Amino acid sequence: MRTVGRARCLQSHADEFSCYFDGDAAFKAYTAKMANKGTWGDELTLRAAADLLGCKILVVTSDKTNYILHYDAPATVAKAKGTADAATSLNAMASGGEARTLFLT
């Protein structure tokens, strides 16, 4: 995700992501930082990307015990649990297609 795009995504879904910060000022400072060119994304931006793209993101790390990080969009999580709502959500997001997985290494 481009730096400006991820900041806009976070800002447009502030109700979902601002709870991780100590107040609105801290959240605004974070999103302003994320909008700067050359700023590396973090776990929160990966969570936002999974939600926005409607996919599962797997990150392979060098950690010996927790070497694959999973970020699932809400619909892909629900589908994995086999709920009826999952199919409805996924159809609305992907026009009936299967959940997609984005691999970042």
N, C-alpha and C. Protein backbone atom coordinates (compact mmCIF):
# COMPACT_ATOMS: atom_id res chain seq x y z
N MET A 1 0.84 -1.17 0.00
CA MET A 1 0.00 0.00 0.00
C MET A 1 0.89 1.23 0.00
N ARG A 2 0.57 2.17 -0.83
CA ARG A 2 1.33 3.41 -0.85
C ARG A 2 1.12 4.15 0.46
N THR A 3 2.12 4.97 0.82
CA THR A 3 2.08 5.64 2.12
C THR A 3 0.84 6.50 2.31
N VAL A 4 0.48 7.30 1.32
CA VAL A 4 -0.70 8.16 1.46
C VAL A 4 -1.96 7.31 1.53
N GLY A 5 -2.03 6.24 0.73
CA GLY A 5 -3.20 5.36 0.71
C GLY A 5 -3.43 4.69 2.05
N ARG A 6 -2.36 4.23 2.68
CA ARG A 6 -2.57 3.56 3.97
C ARG A 6 -3.00 4.55 5.03
N ALA A 7 -2.47 5.79 4.98
CA ALA A 7 -2.89 6.81 5.96
C ALA A 7 -4.36 7.16 5.76
N ARG A 8 -4.79 7.29 4.51
CA ARG A 8 -6.21 7.59 4.24
C ARG A 8 -7.10 6.45 4.70
N CYS A 9 -6.65 5.24 4.46
CA CYS A 9 -7.43 4.07 4.89
C CYS A 9 -7.61 4.08 6.40
N LEU A 10 -6.53 4.31 7.12
CA LEU A 10 -6.61 4.36 8.58
C LEU A 10 -7.52 5.49 9.04
N GLN A 11 -7.40 6.66 8.41
CA GLN A 11 -8.21 7.81 8.79
C GLN A 11 -9.69 7.58 8.50
N SER A 12 -9.98 6.97 7.35
CA SER A 12 -11.38 6.75 7.00
C SER A 12 -12.03 5.66 7.85
N HIS A 13 -11.22 4.86 8.53
CA HIS A 13 -11.73 3.84 9.44
C HIS A 13 -11.25 4.10 10.86
N ALA A 14 -11.22 5.37 11.22
CA ALA A 14 -10.72 5.78 12.53
C ALA A 14 -11.46 5.08 13.67
N ASP A 15 -12.75 4.83 13.48
CA ASP A 15 -13.51 4.17 14.54
C ASP A 15 -12.97 2.78 14.86
N GLU A 16 -12.33 2.12 13.89
CA GLU A 16 -11.78 0.79 14.10
C GLU A 16 -10.34 0.82 14.61
N PHE A 17 -9.56 1.85 14.22
CA PHE A 17 -8.14 1.85 14.50
C PHE A 17 -7.68 2.84 15.57
N SER A 18 -8.46 3.88 15.84
CA SER A 18 -8.02 4.89 16.80
C SER A 18 -8.00 4.37 18.23
N CYS A 19 -8.70 3.28 18.49
CA CYS A 19 -8.74 2.72 19.85
C CYS A 19 -7.37 2.21 20.32
N TYR A 20 -6.43 2.05 19.41
CA TYR A 20 -5.10 1.58 19.76
C TYR A 20 -4.19 2.72 20.24
N PHE A 21 -4.71 3.93 20.28
CA PHE A 21 -3.91 5.10 20.62
C PHE A 21 -4.51 5.84 21.81
N ASP A 22 -3.65 6.61 22.48
CA ASP A 22 -4.08 7.41 23.63
C ASP A 22 -4.65 8.74 23.15
N GLY A 23 -5.86 8.71 22.60
CA GLY A 23 -6.55 9.91 22.17
C GLY A 23 -6.41 10.21 20.69
N ASP A 24 -7.22 11.17 20.26
CA ASP A 24 -7.27 11.56 18.85
C ASP A 24 -5.96 12.17 18.36
N ALA A 25 -5.29 12.95 19.22
CA ALA A 25 -4.04 13.60 18.81
C ALA A 25 -2.97 12.56 18.47
N ALA A 26 -2.88 11.52 19.27
CA ALA A 26 -1.89 10.47 19.01
C ALA A 26 -2.21 9.72 17.72
N PHE A 27 -3.49 9.47 17.47
CA PHE A 27 -3.89 8.79 16.25
C PHE A 27 -3.60 9.65 15.03
N LYS A 28 -3.89 10.95 15.11
CA LYS A 28 -3.62 11.86 14.00
C LYS A 28 -2.12 11.97 13.73
N ALA A 29 -1.32 11.98 14.78
CA ALA A 29 0.14 12.04 14.62
C ALA A 29 0.64 10.76 13.93
N TYR A 30 0.08 9.63 14.32
CA TYR A 30 0.46 8.35 13.72
C TYR A 30 0.11 8.32 12.23
N THR A 31 -1.11 8.72 11.88
CA THR A 31 -1.51 8.68 10.48
C THR A 31 -0.72 9.69 9.65
N ALA A 32 -0.36 10.83 10.24
CA ALA A 32 0.48 11.80 9.54
C ALA A 32 1.86 11.20 9.27
N LYS A 33 2.40 10.48 10.24
CA LYS A 33 3.69 9.81 10.07
C LYS A 33 3.60 8.74 8.98
N MET A 34 2.52 7.98 8.98
CA MET A 34 2.35 6.93 7.98
C MET A 34 2.20 7.49 6.57
N ALA A 35 1.79 8.74 6.44
CA ALA A 35 1.62 9.37 5.12
C ALA A 35 2.95 9.84 4.52
N ASN A 36 4.00 9.87 5.35
CA ASN A 36 5.30 10.33 4.87
C ASN A 36 5.95 9.28 3.97
N LYS A 37 6.46 9.74 2.84
CA LYS A 37 7.14 8.85 1.90
C LYS A 37 8.35 8.22 2.59
N GLY A 38 8.51 6.93 2.39
CA GLY A 38 9.64 6.22 2.97
C GLY A 38 9.37 5.64 4.35
N THR A 39 8.19 5.90 4.91
CA THR A 39 7.85 5.35 6.22
C THR A 39 7.41 3.90 6.07
N TRP A 40 8.05 3.03 6.83
CA TRP A 40 7.69 1.62 6.78
C TRP A 40 6.36 1.40 7.47
N GLY A 41 5.57 0.50 6.91
CA GLY A 41 4.32 0.13 7.55
C GLY A 41 4.58 -0.74 8.77
N ASP A 42 3.56 -0.98 9.54
CA ASP A 42 3.67 -1.80 10.73
C ASP A 42 2.48 -2.75 10.79
N GLU A 43 2.30 -3.40 11.93
CA GLU A 43 1.22 -4.38 12.05
C GLU A 43 -0.16 -3.75 11.87
N LEU A 44 -0.33 -2.53 12.31
CA LEU A 44 -1.63 -1.88 12.17
C LEU A 44 -1.92 -1.59 10.70
N THR A 45 -0.92 -1.18 9.93
CA THR A 45 -1.15 -0.92 8.51
C THR A 45 -1.40 -2.23 7.76
N LEU A 46 -0.79 -3.32 8.20
CA LEU A 46 -1.09 -4.62 7.59
C LEU A 46 -2.53 -5.04 7.88
N ARG A 47 -2.97 -4.79 9.10
CA ARG A 47 -4.36 -5.08 9.47
C ARG A 47 -5.32 -4.27 8.59
N ALA A 48 -5.01 -2.99 8.41
CA ALA A 48 -5.85 -2.13 7.57
C ALA A 48 -5.83 -2.60 6.12
N ALA A 49 -4.67 -3.02 5.63
CA ALA A 49 -4.56 -3.51 4.25
C ALA A 49 -5.39 -4.77 4.06
N ALA A 50 -5.35 -5.69 5.00
CA ALA A 50 -6.15 -6.91 4.91
C ALA A 50 -7.63 -6.58 4.87
N ASP A 51 -8.04 -5.65 5.72
CA ASP A 51 -9.44 -5.23 5.75
C ASP A 51 -9.85 -4.58 4.44
N LEU A 52 -9.02 -3.64 3.97
CA LEU A 52 -9.32 -2.89 2.76
C LEU A 52 -9.37 -3.78 1.52
N LEU A 53 -8.39 -4.69 1.40
CA LEU A 53 -8.30 -5.55 0.23
C LEU A 53 -9.17 -6.80 0.33
N GLY A 54 -9.69 -7.07 1.52
CA GLY A 54 -10.52 -8.25 1.71
C GLY A 54 -9.74 -9.54 1.51
N CYS A 55 -8.51 -9.56 2.04
CA CYS A 55 -7.67 -10.75 1.83
C CYS A 55 -6.96 -11.13 3.12
N LYS A 56 -6.29 -12.26 3.07
CA LYS A 56 -5.43 -12.70 4.15
C LYS A 56 -4.01 -12.30 3.78
N ILE A 57 -3.28 -11.70 4.70
CA ILE A 57 -1.89 -11.35 4.48
C ILE A 57 -1.05 -12.22 5.40
N LEU A 58 -0.08 -12.90 4.84
CA LEU A 58 0.86 -13.71 5.60
C LEU A 58 2.23 -13.08 5.48
N VAL A 59 2.88 -12.83 6.61
CA VAL A 59 4.22 -12.25 6.63
C VAL A 59 5.15 -13.29 7.21
N VAL A 60 6.18 -13.66 6.45
CA VAL A 60 7.18 -14.61 6.92
C VAL A 60 8.31 -13.80 7.56
N THR A 61 8.59 -14.09 8.83
CA THR A 61 9.61 -13.36 9.57
C THR A 61 10.80 -14.26 9.90
N SER A 62 11.80 -13.69 10.53
CA SER A 62 12.97 -14.47 10.94
C SER A 62 12.85 -14.99 12.36
N ASP A 63 11.73 -14.73 13.03
CA ASP A 63 11.51 -15.21 14.38
C ASP A 63 11.42 -16.73 14.38
N LYS A 64 12.11 -17.38 15.31
CA LYS A 64 12.16 -18.84 15.31
C LYS A 64 10.86 -19.51 15.75
N THR A 65 10.10 -18.87 16.61
CA THR A 65 8.88 -19.51 17.11
C THR A 65 7.61 -18.97 16.47
N ASN A 66 7.60 -17.71 16.09
CA ASN A 66 6.41 -17.10 15.50
C ASN A 66 6.80 -16.53 14.14
N TYR A 67 7.12 -17.42 13.21
CA TYR A 67 7.72 -17.00 11.95
C TYR A 67 6.71 -16.64 10.86
N ILE A 68 5.44 -16.92 11.05
CA ILE A 68 4.42 -16.50 10.09
C ILE A 68 3.36 -15.70 10.83
N LEU A 69 3.19 -14.45 10.42
CA LEU A 69 2.16 -13.59 11.00
C LEU A 69 0.95 -13.60 10.07
N HIS A 70 -0.23 -13.73 10.63
CA HIS A 70 -1.48 -13.80 9.85
C HIS A 70 -2.31 -12.54 10.10
N TYR A 71 -2.75 -11.92 9.03
CA TYR A 71 -3.67 -10.79 9.10
C TYR A 71 -4.85 -11.13 8.19
N ASP A 72 -5.98 -11.46 8.79
CA ASP A 72 -7.16 -11.86 8.03
C ASP A 72 -8.19 -10.76 8.00
N ALA A 73 -8.76 -10.54 6.83
CA ALA A 73 -9.90 -9.62 6.72
C ALA A 73 -11.07 -10.24 7.48
N PRO A 74 -11.96 -9.44 8.01
CA PRO A 74 -13.09 -9.99 8.78
C PRO A 74 -13.86 -11.08 8.04
N ALA A 75 -14.09 -10.92 6.75
CA ALA A 75 -14.84 -11.92 6.00
C ALA A 75 -14.06 -13.21 5.85
N THR A 76 -12.74 -13.14 5.71
CA THR A 76 -11.97 -14.37 5.57
C THR A 76 -11.89 -15.10 6.89
N VAL A 77 -11.88 -14.37 8.00
CA VAL A 77 -11.90 -15.01 9.32
C VAL A 77 -13.23 -15.72 9.51
N ALA A 78 -14.32 -15.04 9.20
CA ALA A 78 -15.65 -15.64 9.36
C ALA A 78 -15.80 -16.84 8.45
N LYS A 79 -15.28 -16.77 7.23
CA LYS A 79 -15.39 -17.90 6.31
C LYS A 79 -14.64 -19.10 6.86
N ALA A 80 -13.47 -18.85 7.43
CA ALA A 80 -12.69 -19.94 7.99
C ALA A 80 -13.43 -20.62 9.13
N LYS A 81 -14.27 -19.87 9.85
CA LYS A 81 -15.05 -20.45 10.94
C LYS A 81 -16.32 -21.11 10.43
N GLY A 82 -16.63 -20.94 9.15
CA GLY A 82 -17.76 -21.62 8.55
C GLY A 82 -19.11 -21.01 8.88
N THR A 83 -19.19 -19.74 9.16
CA THR A 83 -20.48 -19.15 9.49
C THR A 83 -21.21 -18.74 8.22
N ALA A 84 -22.52 -18.65 8.31
CA ALA A 84 -23.33 -18.22 7.16
C ALA A 84 -23.04 -16.77 6.81
N ASP A 85 -22.74 -15.95 7.81
CA ASP A 85 -22.43 -14.55 7.56
C ASP A 85 -21.17 -14.39 6.70
N ALA A 86 -20.27 -15.34 6.78
CA ALA A 86 -19.03 -15.26 6.02
C ALA A 86 -19.31 -15.23 4.52
N ALA A 87 -20.17 -16.12 4.07
CA ALA A 87 -20.47 -16.17 2.64
C ALA A 87 -21.14 -14.87 2.18
N THR A 88 -22.04 -14.35 2.99
CA THR A 88 -22.70 -13.09 2.64
C THR A 88 -21.69 -11.95 2.57
N SER A 89 -20.83 -11.84 3.57
CA SER A 89 -19.83 -10.78 3.59
C SER A 89 -18.86 -10.92 2.43
N LEU A 90 -18.40 -12.13 2.18
CA LEU A 90 -17.44 -12.35 1.12
C LEU A 90 -18.05 -12.06 -0.23
N ASN A 91 -19.30 -12.45 -0.44
CA ASN A 91 -19.97 -12.14 -1.71
C ASN A 91 -20.08 -10.64 -1.91
N ALA A 92 -20.40 -9.92 -0.86
CA ALA A 92 -20.52 -8.48 -0.97
C ALA A 92 -19.18 -7.84 -1.30
N MET A 93 -18.09 -8.39 -0.74
CA MET A 93 -16.77 -7.80 -0.96
C MET A 93 -16.14 -8.24 -2.27
N ALA A 94 -16.31 -9.49 -2.63
CA ALA A 94 -15.56 -10.03 -3.77
C ALA A 94 -16.47 -10.53 -4.89
N SER A 95 -17.71 -10.11 -4.90
CA SER A 95 -18.67 -10.50 -5.94
C SER A 95 -18.71 -12.01 -6.15
N GLY A 96 -18.74 -12.73 -5.04
CA GLY A 96 -18.87 -14.18 -5.12
C GLY A 96 -17.56 -14.93 -5.28
N GLY A 97 -16.43 -14.23 -5.36
CA GLY A 97 -15.15 -14.90 -5.53
C GLY A 97 -14.63 -15.47 -4.21
N GLU A 98 -13.60 -16.23 -4.30
CA GLU A 98 -12.98 -16.82 -3.12
C GLU A 98 -12.10 -15.79 -2.42
N ALA A 99 -11.81 -16.03 -1.16
CA ALA A 99 -10.91 -15.15 -0.43
C ALA A 99 -9.52 -15.21 -1.07
N ARG A 100 -8.87 -14.07 -1.07
CA ARG A 100 -7.54 -13.99 -1.67
C ARG A 100 -6.50 -13.93 -0.56
N THR A 101 -5.30 -14.40 -0.85
CA THR A 101 -4.19 -14.33 0.08
C THR A 101 -3.06 -13.54 -0.55
N LEU A 102 -2.50 -12.60 0.20
CA LEU A 102 -1.39 -11.79 -0.27
C LEU A 102 -0.17 -12.22 0.54
N PHE A 103 0.88 -12.69 -0.11
CA PHE A 103 2.09 -13.13 0.57
C PHE A 103 3.14 -12.04 0.49
N LEU A 104 3.65 -11.60 1.63
CA LEU A 104 4.74 -10.62 1.71
C LEU A 104 5.92 -11.31 2.37
N THR A 105 7.06 -11.31 1.72
CA THR A 105 8.24 -11.93 2.33
C THR A 105 9.40 -10.96 2.35
